[in-house]
Amino acid sequence: ATVRGGMTVAAHGAGMAFAGQRALRAVAAPVAEAISFESALADVRKVVDGLEDPVAFRQMGRDIQDLSMRLPMTQQGIAQIVAAAGQAGIAREELLRFAEDAAMMGVAFDTTADEAGQMMATWRTAFRATQDEVVELADQINYLGNTGPASVQKISAVVTRIGALGEVAGVLDGRTPKKVIVVTGRMVSVVV
């Protein structure tokens, strides 16, 4: 049997099924994204002190959503960085700035924000540094990577290793990360 214009009933039905499938996907995608965000936010609640309070938890969710409007990251990605920072002991008041800095560092270092956040958390712990000091350290690494023979990835890898072992080996000796980067830049330049 044919319908108007020579189209068979089967072809007409297939077209309607295809259109219905596309409409269902259009509705399902935001639902799936919302579920992923809620799951990531639950991880944040587990590792960040003070989010047992429903008001504080809702506010953290809204803050992450607002941040996702300014950064080229999904809400889920930002929530994952916030959870990792919380697990690393970063204070709740600093978590959103930490996530924003990680996203920007990820772009500058040509890496993911998640990897950048992991580096920043390691540096903060190893150097006992503030967020401002870690951002300054990242800026200096980026500068050295852009102007010297060593890549940002190599310099940051050495800084991470020095941070983990430097105090034990007496390399840090109470120095700030700013002073350590000068030594690291020279070391990496010699190796390269």
C-alpha atoms as a PDB file:
ATOM      1  CA  ALA A   1       0.000   0.000   0.000  1.00  0.00           C
ATOM      2  CA  THR A   2       1.146   3.487  -0.778  1.00  0.00           C
ATOM      3  CA  VAL A   3       0.361   6.767   0.872  1.00  0.00           C
ATOM      4  CA  ARG A   4       0.410  10.198  -0.753  1.00  0.00           C
ATOM      5  CA  GLY A   5       3.308  10.874  -3.070  1.00  0.00           C
ATOM      6  CA  GLY A   6       4.143   7.206  -3.616  1.00  0.00           C
ATOM      7  CA  MET A   7       5.564   6.632  -0.124  1.00  0.00           C
ATOM      8  CA  THR A   8       4.843   3.177   1.244  1.00  0.00           C
ATOM      9  CA  VAL A   9       3.205   2.707   4.592  1.00  0.00           C
ATOM     10  CA  ALA A  10       6.343   0.931   5.818  1.00  0.00           C
ATOM     11  CA  ALA A  11       8.590   3.822   4.799  1.00  0.00           C
ATOM     12  CA  HIS A  12       6.205   6.283   6.409  1.00  0.00           C
ATOM     13  CA  GLY A  13       6.235   4.238   9.639  1.00  0.00           C
ATOM     14  CA  ALA A  14      10.026   3.978   9.614  1.00  0.00           C
ATOM     15  CA  GLY A  15      10.296   7.743   9.230  1.00  0.00           C
ATOM     16  CA  MET A  16       7.975   8.321  12.169  1.00  0.00           C
ATOM     17  CA  ALA A  17       9.929   5.821  14.290  1.00  0.00           C
ATOM     18  CA  PHE A  18      13.187   7.597  13.433  1.00  0.00           C
ATOM     19  CA  ALA A  19      11.701  10.971  14.360  1.00  0.00           C
ATOM     20  CA  GLY A  20      10.379   9.557  17.628  1.00  0.00           C
ATOM     21  CA  GLN A  21      13.768   8.067  18.438  1.00  0.00           C
ATOM     22  CA  ARG A  22      15.483  11.435  17.881  1.00  0.00           C
ATOM     23  CA  ALA A  23      12.942  13.192  20.092  1.00  0.00           C
ATOM     24  CA  LEU A  24      13.509  10.621  22.827  1.00  0.00           C
ATOM     25  CA  ARG A  25      17.277  11.123  22.618  1.00  0.00           C
ATOM     26  CA  ALA A  26      16.821  14.891  22.876  1.00  0.00           C
ATOM     27  CA  VAL A  27      14.960  14.394  26.144  1.00  0.00           C
ATOM     28  CA  ALA A  28      17.184  11.596  27.483  1.00  0.00           C
ATOM     29  CA  ALA A  29      20.537  13.396  27.055  1.00  0.00           C
ATOM     30  CA  PRO A  30      19.862  16.154  29.615  1.00  0.00           C
ATOM     31  CA  VAL A  31      18.433  13.588  32.027  1.00  0.00           C
ATOM     32  CA  ALA A  32      21.564  11.442  31.739  1.00  0.00           C
ATOM     33  CA  GLU A  33      23.759  14.516  32.258  1.00  0.00           C
ATOM     34  CA  ALA A  34      21.758  15.494  35.349  1.00  0.00           C
ATOM     35  CA  ILE A  35      22.160  11.990  36.778  1.00  0.00           C
ATOM     36  CA  SER A  36      25.934  12.107  36.174  1.00  0.00           C
ATOM     37  CA  PHE A  37      26.140  15.493  37.885  1.00  0.00           C
ATOM     38  CA  GLU A  38      24.146  14.283  40.891  1.00  0.00           C
ATOM     39  CA  SER A  39      26.455  11.265  41.176  1.00  0.00           C
ATOM     40  CA  ALA A  40      29.565  13.481  41.040  1.00  0.00           C
ATOM     41  CA  LEU A  41      28.001  15.839  43.569  1.00  0.00           C
ATOM     42  CA  ALA A  42      27.383  12.890  45.897  1.00  0.00           C
ATOM     43  CA  ASP A  43      31.131  12.185  45.699  1.00  0.00           C
ATOM     44  CA  VAL A  44      31.781  15.808  46.698  1.00  0.00           C
ATOM     45  CA  ARG A  45      29.486  15.397  49.711  1.00  0.00           C
ATOM     46  CA  LYS A  46      31.447  12.322  50.856  1.00  0.00           C
ATOM     47  CA  VAL A  47      34.830  14.071  51.009  1.00  0.00           C
ATOM     48  CA  VAL A  48      34.074  17.714  51.834  1.00  0.00           C
ATOM     49  CA  ASP A  49      33.375  18.646  55.430  1.00  0.00           C
ATOM     50  CA  GLY A  50      30.231  20.634  56.147  1.00  0.00           C
ATOM     51  CA  LEU A  51      28.136  19.401  53.217  1.00  0.00           C
ATOM     52  CA  GLU A  52      25.968  17.218  55.429  1.00  0.00           C
ATOM     53  CA  ASP A  53      23.880  20.371  55.820  1.00  0.00           C
ATOM     54  CA  PRO A  54      21.316  20.343  52.969  1.00  0.00           C
ATOM     55  CA  VAL A  55      21.551  24.118  52.492  1.00  0.00           C
ATOM     56  CA  ALA A  56      25.352  24.029  52.149  1.00  0.00           C
ATOM     57  CA  PHE A  57      25.097  21.020  49.810  1.00  0.00           C
ATOM     58  CA  ARG A  58      22.559  22.756  47.536  1.00  0.00           C
ATOM     59  CA  GLN A  59      24.708  25.898  47.498  1.00  0.00           C
ATOM     60  CA  MET A  60      27.787  23.885  46.480  1.00  0.00           C
ATOM     61  CA  GLY A  61      25.757  22.359  43.644  1.00  0.00           C
ATOM     62  CA  ARG A  62      24.609  25.796  42.473  1.00  0.00           C
ATOM     63  CA  ASP A  63      28.149  27.164  42.723  1.00  0.00           C
ATOM     64  CA  ILE A  64      29.467  24.313  40.567  1.00  0.00           C
ATOM     65  CA  GLN A  65      26.679  24.891  38.034  1.00  0.00           C
ATOM     66  CA  ASP A  66      27.504  28.615  37.930  1.00  0.00           C
ATOM     67  CA  LEU A  67      31.191  27.819  37.443  1.00  0.00           C
ATOM     68  CA  SER A  68      30.336  25.536  34.522  1.00  0.00           C
ATOM     69  CA  MET A  69      28.751  28.530  32.791  1.00  0.00           C
ATOM     70  CA  ARG A  70      32.074  30.417  32.932  1.00  0.00           C
ATOM     71  CA  LEU A  71      34.482  27.562  32.236  1.00  0.00           C
ATOM     72  CA  PRO A  72      34.739  25.254  29.255  1.00  0.00           C
ATOM     73  CA  MET A  73      33.884  22.246  31.446  1.00  0.00           C
ATOM     74  CA  THR A  74      30.823  20.236  32.309  1.00  0.00           C
ATOM     75  CA  GLN A  75      29.251  20.404  35.729  1.00  0.00           C
ATOM     76  CA  GLN A  76      30.296  16.789  36.258  1.00  0.00           C
ATOM     77  CA  GLY A  77      33.933  17.561  35.417  1.00  0.00           C
ATOM     78  CA  ILE A  78      34.029  20.475  37.839  1.00  0.00           C
ATOM     79  CA  ALA A  79      32.400  18.362  40.550  1.00  0.00           C
ATOM     80  CA  GLN A  80      35.058  15.673  40.034  1.00  0.00           C
ATOM     81  CA  ILE A  81      37.840  18.247  40.502  1.00  0.00           C
ATOM     82  CA  VAL A  82      36.108  19.624  43.602  1.00  0.00           C
ATOM     83  CA  ALA A  83      35.811  16.090  45.016  1.00  0.00           C
ATOM     84  CA  ALA A  84      39.497  15.362  44.357  1.00  0.00           C
ATOM     85  CA  ALA A  85      40.483  18.654  46.000  1.00  0.00           C
ATOM     86  CA  GLY A  86      38.266  17.921  48.973  1.00  0.00           C
ATOM     87  CA  GLN A  87      39.841  14.500  49.312  1.00  0.00           C
ATOM     88  CA  ALA A  88      43.287  16.169  49.246  1.00  0.00           C
ATOM     89  CA  GLY A  89      42.268  18.269  52.237  1.00  0.00           C
ATOM     90  CA  ILE A  90      41.663  21.583  50.452  1.00  0.00           C
ATOM     91  CA  ALA A  91      39.357  23.743  52.588  1.00  0.00           C
ATOM     92  CA  ARG A  92      35.730  24.007  51.432  1.00  0.00           C
ATOM     93  CA  GLU A  93      36.046  27.778  50.983  1.00  0.00           C
ATOM     94  CA  GLU A  94      38.869  27.249  48.454  1.00  0.00           C
ATOM     95  CA  LEU A  95      37.363  24.434  46.389  1.00  0.00           C
ATOM     96  CA  LEU A  96      35.683  26.493  43.674  1.00  0.00           C
ATOM     97  CA  ARG A  97      38.739  28.660  43.137  1.00  0.00           C
ATOM     98  CA  PHE A  98      40.832  25.506  43.045  1.00  0.00           C
ATOM     99  CA  ALA A  99      38.574  24.053  40.316  1.00  0.00           C
ATOM    100  CA  GLU A 100      38.699  27.287  38.315  1.00  0.00           C
ATOM    101  CA  ASP A 101      42.497  27.460  38.607  1.00  0.00           C
ATOM    102  CA  ALA A 102      42.758  23.794  37.569  1.00  0.00           C
ATOM    103  CA  ALA A 103      40.674  24.442  34.454  1.00  0.00           C
ATOM    104  CA  MET A 104      42.845  27.407  33.460  1.00  0.00           C
ATOM    105  CA  MET A 105      46.043  25.519  34.235  1.00  0.00           C
ATOM    106  CA  GLY A 106      44.813  22.612  32.132  1.00  0.00           C
ATOM    107  CA  VAL A 107      44.500  24.922  29.126  1.00  0.00           C
ATOM    108  CA  ALA A 108      47.907  26.528  29.731  1.00  0.00           C
ATOM    109  CA  PHE A 109      49.637  23.167  30.247  1.00  0.00           C
ATOM    110  CA  ASP A 110      47.801  21.490  27.371  1.00  0.00           C
ATOM    111  CA  THR A 111      46.416  18.836  29.697  1.00  0.00           C
ATOM    112  CA  THR A 112      43.065  18.056  31.268  1.00  0.00           C
ATOM    113  CA  ALA A 113      41.732  20.101  34.154  1.00  0.00           C
ATOM    114  CA  ASP A 114      41.557  16.881  36.143  1.00  0.00           C
ATOM    115  CA  GLU A 115      45.296  16.242  35.651  1.00  0.00           C
ATOM    116  CA  ALA A 116      46.064  19.882  36.414  1.00  0.00           C
ATOM    117  CA  GLY A 117      44.002  19.657  39.587  1.00  0.00           C
ATOM    118  CA  GLN A 118      45.877  16.530  40.614  1.00  0.00           C
ATOM    119  CA  MET A 119      49.213  18.344  40.111  1.00  0.00           C
ATOM    120  CA  MET A 120      48.025  21.376  42.067  1.00  0.00           C
ATOM    121  CA  ALA A 121      46.810  19.217  44.952  1.00  0.00           C
ATOM    122  CA  THR A 122      50.148  17.364  45.008  1.00  0.00           C
ATOM    123  CA  TRP A 123      52.103  20.632  44.987  1.00  0.00           C
ATOM    124  CA  ARG A 124      49.976  22.157  47.721  1.00  0.00           C
ATOM    125  CA  THR A 125      50.591  19.166  49.941  1.00  0.00           C
ATOM    126  CA  ALA A 126      54.266  18.636  49.094  1.00  0.00           C
ATOM    127  CA  PHE A 127      55.272  22.299  49.353  1.00  0.00           C
ATOM    128  CA  ARG A 128      52.727  23.171  52.048  1.00  0.00           C
ATOM    129  CA  ALA A 129      51.753  25.979  49.695  1.00  0.00           C
ATOM    130  CA  THR A 130      48.733  28.216  49.488  1.00  0.00           C
ATOM    131  CA  GLN A 131      46.570  28.354  46.388  1.00  0.00           C
ATOM    132  CA  ASP A 132      48.167  31.664  45.402  1.00  0.00           C
ATOM    133  CA  GLU A 133      51.646  30.109  45.654  1.00  0.00           C
ATOM    134  CA  VAL A 134      50.602  27.110  43.560  1.00  0.00           C
ATOM    135  CA  VAL A 135      49.100  29.362  40.878  1.00  0.00           C
ATOM    136  CA  GLU A 136      52.302  31.415  40.852  1.00  0.00           C
ATOM    137  CA  LEU A 137      54.301  28.197  40.546  1.00  0.00           C
ATOM    138  CA  ALA A 138      52.127  27.085  37.609  1.00  0.00           C
ATOM    139  CA  ASP A 139      52.609  30.484  35.948  1.00  0.00           C
ATOM    140  CA  GLN A 140      56.380  30.171  36.301  1.00  0.00           C
ATOM    141  CA  ILE A 141      56.368  26.628  34.920  1.00  0.00           C
ATOM    142  CA  ASN A 142      54.298  27.821  31.975  1.00  0.00           C
ATOM    143  CA  TYR A 143      56.717  30.708  31.381  1.00  0.00           C
ATOM    144  CA  LEU A 144      59.759  28.410  31.495  1.00  0.00           C
ATOM    145  CA  GLY A 145      58.054  25.934  29.197  1.00  0.00           C
ATOM    146  CA  ASN A 146      57.250  28.663  26.688  1.00  0.00           C
ATOM    147  CA  THR A 147      60.672  30.331  26.753  1.00  0.00           C
ATOM    148  CA  GLY A 148      63.130  27.540  27.486  1.00  0.00           C
ATOM    149  CA  PRO A 149      64.175  24.241  25.969  1.00  0.00           C
ATOM    150  CA  ALA A 150      62.089  22.090  28.341  1.00  0.00           C
ATOM    151  CA  SER A 151      58.370  21.475  27.908  1.00  0.00           C
ATOM    152  CA  VAL A 152      55.779  22.394  30.502  1.00  0.00           C
ATOM    153  CA  GLN A 153      55.055  18.693  31.015  1.00  0.00           C
ATOM    154  CA  LYS A 154      58.715  17.863  31.766  1.00  0.00           C
ATOM    155  CA  ILE A 155      59.140  20.794  34.129  1.00  0.00           C
ATOM    156  CA  SER A 156      55.929  20.052  36.006  1.00  0.00           C
ATOM    157  CA  ALA A 157      56.876  16.364  36.306  1.00  0.00           C
ATOM    158  CA  VAL A 158      60.219  17.314  37.878  1.00  0.00           C
ATOM    159  CA  VAL A 159      58.546  19.843  40.196  1.00  0.00           C
ATOM    160  CA  THR A 160      56.111  17.154  41.296  1.00  0.00           C
ATOM    161  CA  ARG A 161      58.963  14.716  42.012  1.00  0.00           C
ATOM    162  CA  ILE A 162      60.984  17.360  43.846  1.00  0.00           C
ATOM    163  CA  GLY A 163      57.945  18.352  45.839  1.00  0.00           C
ATOM    164  CA  ALA A 164      57.404  14.786  46.954  1.00  0.00           C
ATOM    165  CA  LEU A 165      61.032  14.127  47.837  1.00  0.00           C
ATOM    166  CA  GLY A 166      62.613  17.541  48.232  1.00  0.00           C
ATOM    167  CA  GLU A 167      62.077  18.105  51.918  1.00  0.00           C
ATOM    168  CA  VAL A 168      63.194  14.583  52.797  1.00  0.00           C
ATOM    169  CA  ALA A 169      66.368  15.038  50.726  1.00  0.00           C
ATOM    170  CA  GLY A 170      66.974  18.537  52.081  1.00  0.00           C
ATOM    171  CA  VAL A 171      66.437  20.192  48.697  1.00  0.00           C
ATOM    172  CA  LEU A 172      63.581  22.378  49.850  1.00  0.00           C
ATOM    173  CA  ASP A 173      65.006  23.337  53.223  1.00  0.00           C
ATOM    174  CA  GLY A 174      62.052  25.623  53.921  1.00  0.00           C
ATOM    175  CA  ARG A 175      62.154  27.311  50.513  1.00  0.00           C
ATOM    176  CA  THR A 176      59.018  28.489  48.838  1.00  0.00           C
ATOM    177  CA  PRO A 177      57.846  26.887  45.598  1.00  0.00           C
ATOM    178  CA  LYS A 178      58.962  30.044  43.777  1.00  0.00           C
ATOM    179  CA  LYS A 179      62.597  29.362  44.658  1.00  0.00           C
ATOM    180  CA  VAL A 180      62.261  25.663  43.846  1.00  0.00           C
ATOM    181  CA  ILE A 181      61.072  26.406  40.308  1.00  0.00           C
ATOM    182  CA  VAL A 182      64.292  28.254  39.503  1.00  0.00           C
ATOM    183  CA  VAL A 183      66.339  25.217  40.506  1.00  0.00           C
ATOM    184  CA  THR A 184      63.963  22.887  38.659  1.00  0.00           C
ATOM    185  CA  GLY A 185      64.070  24.968  35.472  1.00  0.00           C
ATOM    186  CA  ARG A 186      67.846  24.799  35.463  1.00  0.00           C
ATOM    187  CA  MET A 187      67.890  21.073  36.157  1.00  0.00           C
ATOM    188  CA  VAL A 188      65.439  20.283  33.365  1.00  0.00           C
ATOM    189  CA  SER A 189      67.291  22.554  30.934  1.00  0.00           C
ATOM    190  CA  VAL A 190      70.522  20.657  31.561  1.00  0.00           C
ATOM    191  CA  VAL A 191      68.802  17.281  31.093  1.00  0.00           C
ATOM    192  CA  VAL A 192      67.078  18.402  27.870  1.00  0.00           C
END
